[in-house]
């Protein structure tokens, strides 16, 4: 996964579609600010949602927040 992600990273700034990034504020695997924050800054059409009290697998513990993020991105799509 790491080599593939590294290759794709160079193209993130080319994305011109709505993107929602959801991350846990208490992530112990990756640094939320340097990873998710950097991705958010790179993708001009992105929204960043940092969920307090959650870690790396935030989507397992915040289903309502995930649904809201999906609904948000759907409504932003052309």
PDB file of N, CA and C in Angstrom:
ATOM      1  N   UNK A   1       0.816  -1.188   0.000  1.00  0.00           N
ATOM      2  CA  UNK A   1       0.000   0.000   0.000  1.00  0.00           C
ATOM      3  C   UNK A   1       0.866   1.261   0.000  1.00  0.00           C
ATOM      4  N   UNK A   2       1.947   1.272   0.745  1.00  0.00           N
ATOM      5  CA  UNK A   2       2.755   2.479   0.869  1.00  0.00           C
ATOM      6  C   UNK A   2       3.337   2.927  -0.473  1.00  0.00           C
ATOM      7  N   UNK A   3       3.929   2.037  -1.290  1.00  0.00           N
ATOM      8  CA  UNK A   3       4.443   2.495  -2.582  1.00  0.00           C
ATOM      9  C   UNK A   3       3.338   3.054  -3.492  1.00  0.00           C
ATOM     10  N   UNK A   4       2.182   2.419  -3.513  1.00  0.00           N
ATOM     11  CA  UNK A   4       1.077   2.902  -4.345  1.00  0.00           C
ATOM     12  C   UNK A   4       0.599   4.270  -3.863  1.00  0.00           C
ATOM     13  N   UNK A   5       0.470   4.430  -2.570  1.00  0.00           N
ATOM     14  CA  UNK A   5       0.051   5.719  -2.021  1.00  0.00           C
ATOM     15  C   UNK A   5       1.075   6.807  -2.343  1.00  0.00           C
ATOM     16  N   UNK A   6       2.338   6.469  -2.263  1.00  0.00           N
ATOM     17  CA  UNK A   6       3.390   7.439  -2.565  1.00  0.00           C
ATOM     18  C   UNK A   6       3.319   7.890  -4.024  1.00  0.00           C
ATOM     19  N   UNK A   7       3.032   6.968  -4.926  1.00  0.00           N
ATOM     20  CA  UNK A   7       2.898   7.330  -6.347  1.00  0.00           C
ATOM     21  C   UNK A   7       1.694   8.239  -6.565  1.00  0.00           C
ATOM     22  N   UNK A   8       0.591   7.949  -5.911  1.00  0.00           N
ATOM     23  CA  UNK A   8      -0.630   8.737  -6.098  1.00  0.00           C
ATOM     24  C   UNK A   8      -0.534  10.113  -5.455  1.00  0.00           C
ATOM     25  N   UNK A   9       0.236  10.227  -4.398  1.00  0.00           N
ATOM     26  CA  UNK A   9       0.353  11.485  -3.662  1.00  0.00           C
ATOM     27  C   UNK A   9       0.701  12.655  -4.572  1.00  0.00           C
ATOM     28  N   UNK A  10       1.507  12.401  -5.572  1.00  0.00           N
ATOM     29  CA  UNK A  10       1.936  13.456  -6.488  1.00  0.00           C
ATOM     30  C   UNK A  10       0.782  14.027  -7.305  1.00  0.00           C
ATOM     31  N   UNK A  11      -0.335  13.310  -7.346  1.00  0.00           N
ATOM     32  CA  UNK A  11      -1.458  13.746  -8.176  1.00  0.00           C
ATOM     33  C   UNK A  11      -2.625  14.310  -7.374  1.00  0.00           C
ATOM     34  N   UNK A  12      -2.549  14.290  -6.057  1.00  0.00           N
ATOM     35  CA  UNK A  12      -3.662  14.773  -5.227  1.00  0.00           C
ATOM     36  C   UNK A  12      -4.078  16.198  -5.587  1.00  0.00           C
ATOM     37  N   UNK A  13      -3.134  17.069  -5.838  1.00  0.00           N
ATOM     38  CA  UNK A  13      -3.443  18.470  -6.133  1.00  0.00           C
ATOM     39  C   UNK A  13      -4.214  18.632  -7.434  1.00  0.00           C
ATOM     40  N   UNK A  14      -4.210  17.620  -8.285  1.00  0.00           N
ATOM     41  CA  UNK A  14      -4.938  17.679  -9.551  1.00  0.00           C
ATOM     42  C   UNK A  14      -6.439  17.436  -9.374  1.00  0.00           C
ATOM     43  N   UNK A  15      -6.841  16.911  -8.233  1.00  0.00           N
ATOM     44  CA  UNK A  15      -8.248  16.577  -8.021  1.00  0.00           C
ATOM     45  C   UNK A  15      -9.100  17.837  -8.052  1.00  0.00           C
ATOM     46  N   UNK A  16     -10.168  17.799  -8.830  1.00  0.00           N
ATOM     47  CA  UNK A  16     -11.092  18.926  -8.958  1.00  0.00           C
ATOM     48  C   UNK A  16     -12.521  18.444  -8.724  1.00  0.00           C
ATOM     49  N   UNK A  17     -12.732  17.819  -7.605  1.00  0.00           N
ATOM     50  CA  UNK A  17     -14.043  17.322  -7.231  1.00  0.00           C
ATOM     51  C   UNK A  17     -14.159  17.450  -5.727  1.00  0.00           C
ATOM     52  N   UNK A  18     -15.373  17.453  -5.211  1.00  0.00           N
ATOM     53  CA  UNK A  18     -15.532  17.546  -3.758  1.00  0.00           C
ATOM     54  C   UNK A  18     -14.933  16.323  -3.066  1.00  0.00           C
ATOM     55  N   UNK A  19     -14.161  16.565  -2.032  1.00  0.00           N
ATOM     56  CA  UNK A  19     -13.530  15.508  -1.243  1.00  0.00           C
ATOM     57  C   UNK A  19     -13.757  15.824   0.228  1.00  0.00           C
ATOM     58  N   UNK A  20     -14.194  14.839   0.975  1.00  0.00           N
ATOM     59  CA  UNK A  20     -14.326  14.998   2.414  1.00  0.00           C
ATOM     60  C   UNK A  20     -13.334  14.070   3.097  1.00  0.00           C
ATOM     61  N   UNK A  21     -12.561  14.631   3.995  1.00  0.00           N
ATOM     62  CA  UNK A  21     -11.566  13.882   4.758  1.00  0.00           C
ATOM     63  C   UNK A  21     -12.060  13.826   6.194  1.00  0.00           C
ATOM     64  N   UNK A  22     -12.185  12.617   6.733  1.00  0.00           N
ATOM     65  CA  UNK A  22     -12.626  12.439   8.111  1.00  0.00           C
ATOM     66  C   UNK A  22     -11.511  11.742   8.863  1.00  0.00           C
ATOM     67  N   UNK A  23     -11.113  12.311   9.991  1.00  0.00           N
ATOM     68  CA  UNK A  23     -10.014  11.750  10.768  1.00  0.00           C
ATOM     69  C   UNK A  23     -10.315  11.856  12.254  1.00  0.00           C
ATOM     70  N   UNK A  24      -9.731  10.946  13.000  1.00  0.00           N
ATOM     71  CA  UNK A  24      -9.858  10.995  14.452  1.00  0.00           C
ATOM     72  C   UNK A  24      -8.777  11.879  15.058  1.00  0.00           C
ATOM     73  N   UNK A  25      -9.167  12.738  15.969  1.00  0.00           N
ATOM     74  CA  UNK A  25      -8.215  13.652  16.606  1.00  0.00           C
ATOM     75  C   UNK A  25      -7.194  12.930  17.467  1.00  0.00           C
ATOM     76  N   UNK A  26      -7.550  11.759  17.956  1.00  0.00           N
ATOM     77  CA  UNK A  26      -6.663  11.025  18.861  1.00  0.00           C
ATOM     78  C   UNK A  26      -5.950   9.864  18.156  1.00  0.00           C
ATOM     79  N   UNK A  27      -5.771   9.966  16.854  1.00  0.00           N
ATOM     80  CA  UNK A  27      -5.133   8.905  16.067  1.00  0.00           C
ATOM     81  C   UNK A  27      -3.724   8.629  16.598  1.00  0.00           C
ATOM     82  N   UNK A  28      -3.449   7.382  16.926  1.00  0.00           N
ATOM     83  CA  UNK A  28      -2.133   6.974  17.414  1.00  0.00           C
ATOM     84  C   UNK A  28      -1.285   6.331  16.303  1.00  0.00           C
ATOM     85  N   UNK A  29      -1.869   6.146  15.104  1.00  0.00           N
ATOM     86  CA  UNK A  29      -1.171   5.516  13.982  1.00  0.00           C
ATOM     87  C   UNK A  29      -0.511   6.572  13.098  1.00  0.00           C
ATOM     88  N   UNK A  30      -1.256   7.596  12.759  1.00  0.00           N
ATOM     89  CA  UNK A  30      -0.723   8.706  11.967  1.00  0.00           C
ATOM     90  C   UNK A  30      -1.059  10.017  12.662  1.00  0.00           C
ATOM     91  N   UNK A  31      -0.258  11.023  12.421  1.00  0.00           N
ATOM     92  CA  UNK A  31      -0.516  12.341  12.985  1.00  0.00           C
ATOM     93  C   UNK A  31      -1.601  13.027  12.149  1.00  0.00           C
ATOM     94  N   UNK A  32      -2.730  13.275  12.771  1.00  0.00           N
ATOM     95  CA  UNK A  32      -3.881  13.835  12.054  1.00  0.00           C
ATOM     96  C   UNK A  32      -3.543  15.166  11.399  1.00  0.00           C
ATOM     97  N   UNK A  33      -2.856  16.038  12.114  1.00  0.00           N
ATOM     98  CA  UNK A  33      -2.542  17.353  11.545  1.00  0.00           C
ATOM     99  C   UNK A  33      -1.605  17.258  10.355  1.00  0.00           C
ATOM    100  N   UNK A  34      -0.554  16.461  10.481  1.00  0.00           N
ATOM    101  CA  UNK A  34       0.409  16.425   9.381  1.00  0.00           C
ATOM    102  C   UNK A  34      -0.068  15.580   8.209  1.00  0.00           C
ATOM    103  N   UNK A  35      -0.899  14.588   8.447  1.00  0.00           N
ATOM    104  CA  UNK A  35      -1.377  13.743   7.347  1.00  0.00           C
ATOM    105  C   UNK A  35      -2.690  14.264   6.765  1.00  0.00           C
ATOM    106  N   UNK A  36      -3.734  14.260   7.560  1.00  0.00           N
ATOM    107  CA  UNK A  36      -5.049  14.700   7.065  1.00  0.00           C
ATOM    108  C   UNK A  36      -5.044  16.194   6.774  1.00  0.00           C
ATOM    109  N   UNK A  37      -4.374  16.961   7.629  1.00  0.00           N
ATOM    110  CA  UNK A  37      -4.288  18.405   7.399  1.00  0.00           C
ATOM    111  C   UNK A  37      -3.559  18.743   6.119  1.00  0.00           C
ATOM    112  N   UNK A  38      -2.462  18.050   5.878  1.00  0.00           N
ATOM    113  CA  UNK A  38      -1.691  18.279   4.639  1.00  0.00           C
ATOM    114  C   UNK A  38      -2.506  17.878   3.410  1.00  0.00           C
ATOM    115  N   UNK A  39      -3.204  16.755   3.505  1.00  0.00           N
ATOM    116  CA  UNK A  39      -4.050  16.329   2.393  1.00  0.00           C
ATOM    117  C   UNK A  39      -5.126  17.365   2.109  1.00  0.00           C
ATOM    118  N   UNK A  40      -5.731  17.872   3.168  1.00  0.00           N
ATOM    119  CA  UNK A  40      -6.767  18.906   3.029  1.00  0.00           C
ATOM    120  C   UNK A  40      -6.207  20.154   2.343  1.00  0.00           C
ATOM    121  N   UNK A  41      -5.015  20.559   2.710  1.00  0.00           N
ATOM    122  CA  UNK A  41      -4.402  21.733   2.078  1.00  0.00           C
ATOM    123  C   UNK A  41      -4.057  21.476   0.618  1.00  0.00           C
ATOM    124  N   UNK A  42      -3.727  20.244   0.286  1.00  0.00           N
ATOM    125  CA  UNK A  42      -3.328  19.890  -1.080  1.00  0.00           C
ATOM    126  C   UNK A  42      -4.519  19.819  -2.030  1.00  0.00           C
ATOM    127  N   UNK A  43      -5.658  19.317  -1.548  1.00  0.00           N
ATOM    128  CA  UNK A  43      -6.843  19.157  -2.399  1.00  0.00           C
ATOM    129  C   UNK A  43      -7.733  20.378  -2.206  1.00  0.00           C
ATOM    130  N   UNK A  44      -7.778  21.216  -3.220  1.00  0.00           N
ATOM    131  CA  UNK A  44      -8.453  22.508  -3.085  1.00  0.00           C
ATOM    132  C   UNK A  44      -9.948  22.393  -2.795  1.00  0.00           C
ATOM    133  N   UNK A  45     -10.588  21.350  -3.248  1.00  0.00           N
ATOM    134  CA  UNK A  45     -12.033  21.196  -3.062  1.00  0.00           C
ATOM    135  C   UNK A  45     -12.385  20.361  -1.824  1.00  0.00           C
ATOM    136  N   UNK A  46     -11.449  20.197  -0.901  1.00  0.00           N
ATOM    137  CA  UNK A  46     -11.696  19.288   0.221  1.00  0.00           C
ATOM    138  C   UNK A  46     -12.261  19.977   1.453  1.00  0.00           C
ATOM    139  N   UNK A  47     -12.939  19.165   2.251  1.00  0.00           N
ATOM    140  CA  UNK A  47     -13.413  19.557   3.581  1.00  0.00           C
ATOM    141  C   UNK A  47     -12.753  18.599   4.561  1.00  0.00           C
ATOM    142  N   UNK A  48     -12.338  19.105   5.704  1.00  0.00           N
ATOM    143  CA  UNK A  48     -11.703  18.278   6.716  1.00  0.00           C
ATOM    144  C   UNK A  48     -12.558  18.268   7.970  1.00  0.00           C
ATOM    145  N   UNK A  49     -12.888  17.069   8.434  1.00  0.00           N
ATOM    146  CA  UNK A  49     -13.632  16.889   9.674  1.00  0.00           C
ATOM    147  C   UNK A  49     -12.752  16.072  10.616  1.00  0.00           C
ATOM    148  N   UNK A  50     -12.332  16.683  11.707  1.00  0.00           N
ATOM    149  CA  UNK A  50     -11.530  15.978  12.712  1.00  0.00           C
ATOM    150  C   UNK A  50     -12.456  15.691  13.892  1.00  0.00           C
ATOM    151  N   UNK A  51     -12.626  14.407  14.175  1.00  0.00           N
ATOM    152  CA  UNK A  51     -13.566  13.982  15.205  1.00  0.00           C
ATOM    153  C   UNK A  51     -12.850  13.826  16.550  1.00  0.00           C
ATOM    154  N   UNK A  52     -13.257  14.615  17.547  1.00  0.00           N
ATOM    155  CA  UNK A  52     -12.601  14.552  18.854  1.00  0.00           C
ATOM    156  C   UNK A  52     -12.843  13.214  19.545  1.00  0.00           C
ATOM    157  N   UNK A  53     -11.830  12.769  20.274  1.00  0.00           N
ATOM    158  CA  UNK A  53     -11.959  11.564  21.077  1.00  0.00           C
ATOM    159  C   UNK A  53     -11.869  10.259  20.311  1.00  0.00           C
ATOM    160  N   UNK A  54     -11.643  10.328  19.009  1.00  0.00           N
ATOM    161  CA  UNK A  54     -11.569   9.114  18.198  1.00  0.00           C
ATOM    162  C   UNK A  54     -10.180   8.948  17.614  1.00  0.00           C
ATOM    163  N   UNK A  55      -9.839   7.696  17.322  1.00  0.00           N
ATOM    164  CA  UNK A  55      -8.521   7.380  16.795  1.00  0.00           C
ATOM    165  C   UNK A  55      -8.542   7.030  15.326  1.00  0.00           C
ATOM    166  N   UNK A  56      -7.622   6.148  14.950  1.00  0.00           N
ATOM    167  CA  UNK A  56      -7.358   5.815  13.551  1.00  0.00           C
ATOM    168  C   UNK A  56      -8.570   5.219  12.825  1.00  0.00           C
ATOM    169  N   UNK A  57      -9.371   4.437  13.492  1.00  0.00           N
ATOM    170  CA  UNK A  57     -10.512   3.776  12.859  1.00  0.00           C
ATOM    171  C   UNK A  57     -11.814   4.506  13.210  1.00  0.00           C
ATOM    172  N   UNK A  58     -11.797   5.823  13.090  1.00  0.00           N
ATOM    173  CA  UNK A  58     -12.936   6.654  13.484  1.00  0.00           C
ATOM    174  C   UNK A  58     -14.233   6.210  12.817  1.00  0.00           C
ATOM    175  N   UNK A  59     -14.146   5.728  11.589  1.00  0.00           N
ATOM    176  CA  UNK A  59     -15.350   5.330  10.861  1.00  0.00           C
ATOM    177  C   UNK A  59     -16.078   4.168  11.539  1.00  0.00           C
ATOM    178  N   UNK A  60     -15.378   3.395  12.357  1.00  0.00           N
ATOM    179  CA  UNK A  60     -16.025   2.291  13.066  1.00  0.00           C
ATOM    180  C   UNK A  60     -16.834   2.776  14.265  1.00  0.00           C
ATOM    181  N   UNK A  61     -16.511   3.951  14.766  1.00  0.00           N
ATOM    182  CA  UNK A  61     -17.113   4.436  16.002  1.00  0.00           C
ATOM    183  C   UNK A  61     -17.976   5.678  15.822  1.00  0.00           C
ATOM    184  N   UNK A  62     -18.027   6.212  14.637  1.00  0.00           N
ATOM    185  CA  UNK A  62     -18.785   7.441  14.404  1.00  0.00           C
ATOM    186  C   UNK A  62     -19.589   7.323  13.111  1.00  0.00           C
ATOM    187  N   UNK A  63     -20.439   6.313  13.063  1.00  0.00           N
ATOM    188  CA  UNK A  63     -21.222   6.061  11.848  1.00  0.00           C
ATOM    189  C   UNK A  63     -22.054   7.279  11.456  1.00  0.00           C
ATOM    190  N   UNK A  64     -22.638   7.954  12.421  1.00  0.00           N
ATOM    191  CA  UNK A  64     -23.449   9.135  12.108  1.00  0.00           C
ATOM    192  C   UNK A  64     -22.610  10.224  11.434  1.00  0.00           C
ATOM    193  N   UNK A  65     -21.397  10.417  11.921  1.00  0.00           N
ATOM    194  CA  UNK A  65     -20.508  11.416  11.313  1.00  0.00           C
ATOM    195  C   UNK A  65     -20.118  11.019   9.898  1.00  0.00           C
ATOM    196  N   UNK A  66     -19.938   9.728   9.664  1.00  0.00           N
ATOM    197  CA  UNK A  66     -19.601   9.248   8.321  1.00  0.00           C
ATOM    198  C   UNK A  66     -20.773   9.493   7.360  1.00  0.00           C
ATOM    199  N   UNK A  67     -21.976   9.197   7.812  1.00  0.00           N
ATOM    200  CA  UNK A  67     -23.161   9.415   6.979  1.00  0.00           C
ATOM    201  C   UNK A  67     -23.312  10.901   6.672  1.00  0.00           C
ATOM    202  N   UNK A  68     -23.098  11.753   7.660  1.00  0.00           N
ATOM    203  CA  UNK A  68     -23.173  13.197   7.440  1.00  0.00           C
ATOM    204  C   UNK A  68     -22.140  13.649   6.412  1.00  0.00           C
ATOM    205  N   UNK A  69     -20.926  13.107   6.504  1.00  0.00           N
ATOM    206  CA  UNK A  69     -19.873  13.472   5.559  1.00  0.00           C
ATOM    207  C   UNK A  69     -20.232  13.017   4.147  1.00  0.00           C
ATOM    208  N   UNK A  70     -20.805  11.826   4.022  1.00  0.00           N
ATOM    209  CA  UNK A  70     -21.237  11.327   2.712  1.00  0.00           C
ATOM    210  C   UNK A  70     -22.364  12.192   2.162  1.00  0.00           C
ATOM    211  N   UNK A  71     -23.320  12.523   3.000  1.00  0.00           N
ATOM    212  CA  UNK A  71     -24.426  13.390   2.560  1.00  0.00           C
ATOM    213  C   UNK A  71     -23.910  14.761   2.136  1.00  0.00           C
ATOM    214  N   UNK A  72     -22.953  15.282   2.872  1.00  0.00           N
ATOM    215  CA  UNK A  72     -22.373  16.588   2.554  1.00  0.00           C
ATOM    216  C   UNK A  72     -21.689  16.555   1.187  1.00  0.00           C
ATOM    217  N   UNK A  73     -20.903  15.521   0.962  1.00  0.00           N
ATOM    218  CA  UNK A  73     -20.167  15.441  -0.308  1.00  0.00           C
ATOM    219  C   UNK A  73     -21.133  15.202  -1.480  1.00  0.00           C
ATOM    220  N   UNK A  74     -22.187  14.452  -1.223  1.00  0.00           N
ATOM    221  CA  UNK A  74     -23.182  14.218  -2.269  1.00  0.00           C
ATOM    222  C   UNK A  74     -23.874  15.522  -2.660  1.00  0.00           C
ATOM    223  N   UNK A  75     -24.215  16.326  -1.674  1.00  0.00           N
ATOM    224  CA  UNK A  75     -24.904  17.574  -1.984  1.00  0.00           C
ATOM    225  C   UNK A  75     -23.981  18.585  -2.659  1.00  0.00           C
ATOM    226  N   UNK A  76     -22.666  18.445  -2.479  1.00  0.00           N
ATOM    227  CA  UNK A  76     -21.718  19.353  -3.100  1.00  0.00           C
ATOM    228  C   UNK A  76     -21.365  18.946  -4.536  1.00  0.00           C
ATOM    229  N   UNK A  77     -21.643  17.689  -4.873  1.00  0.00           N
ATOM    230  CA  UNK A  77     -21.284  17.201  -6.209  1.00  0.00           C
ATOM    231  C   UNK A  77     -22.184  17.823  -7.269  1.00  0.00           C
ATOM    232  N   UNK A  78     -21.613  18.082  -8.435  1.00  0.00           N
ATOM    233  CA  UNK A  78     -22.437  18.652  -9.521  1.00  0.00           C
ATOM    234  C   UNK A  78     -23.485  17.677 -10.022  1.00  0.00           C
TER     235      UNK A  78
END
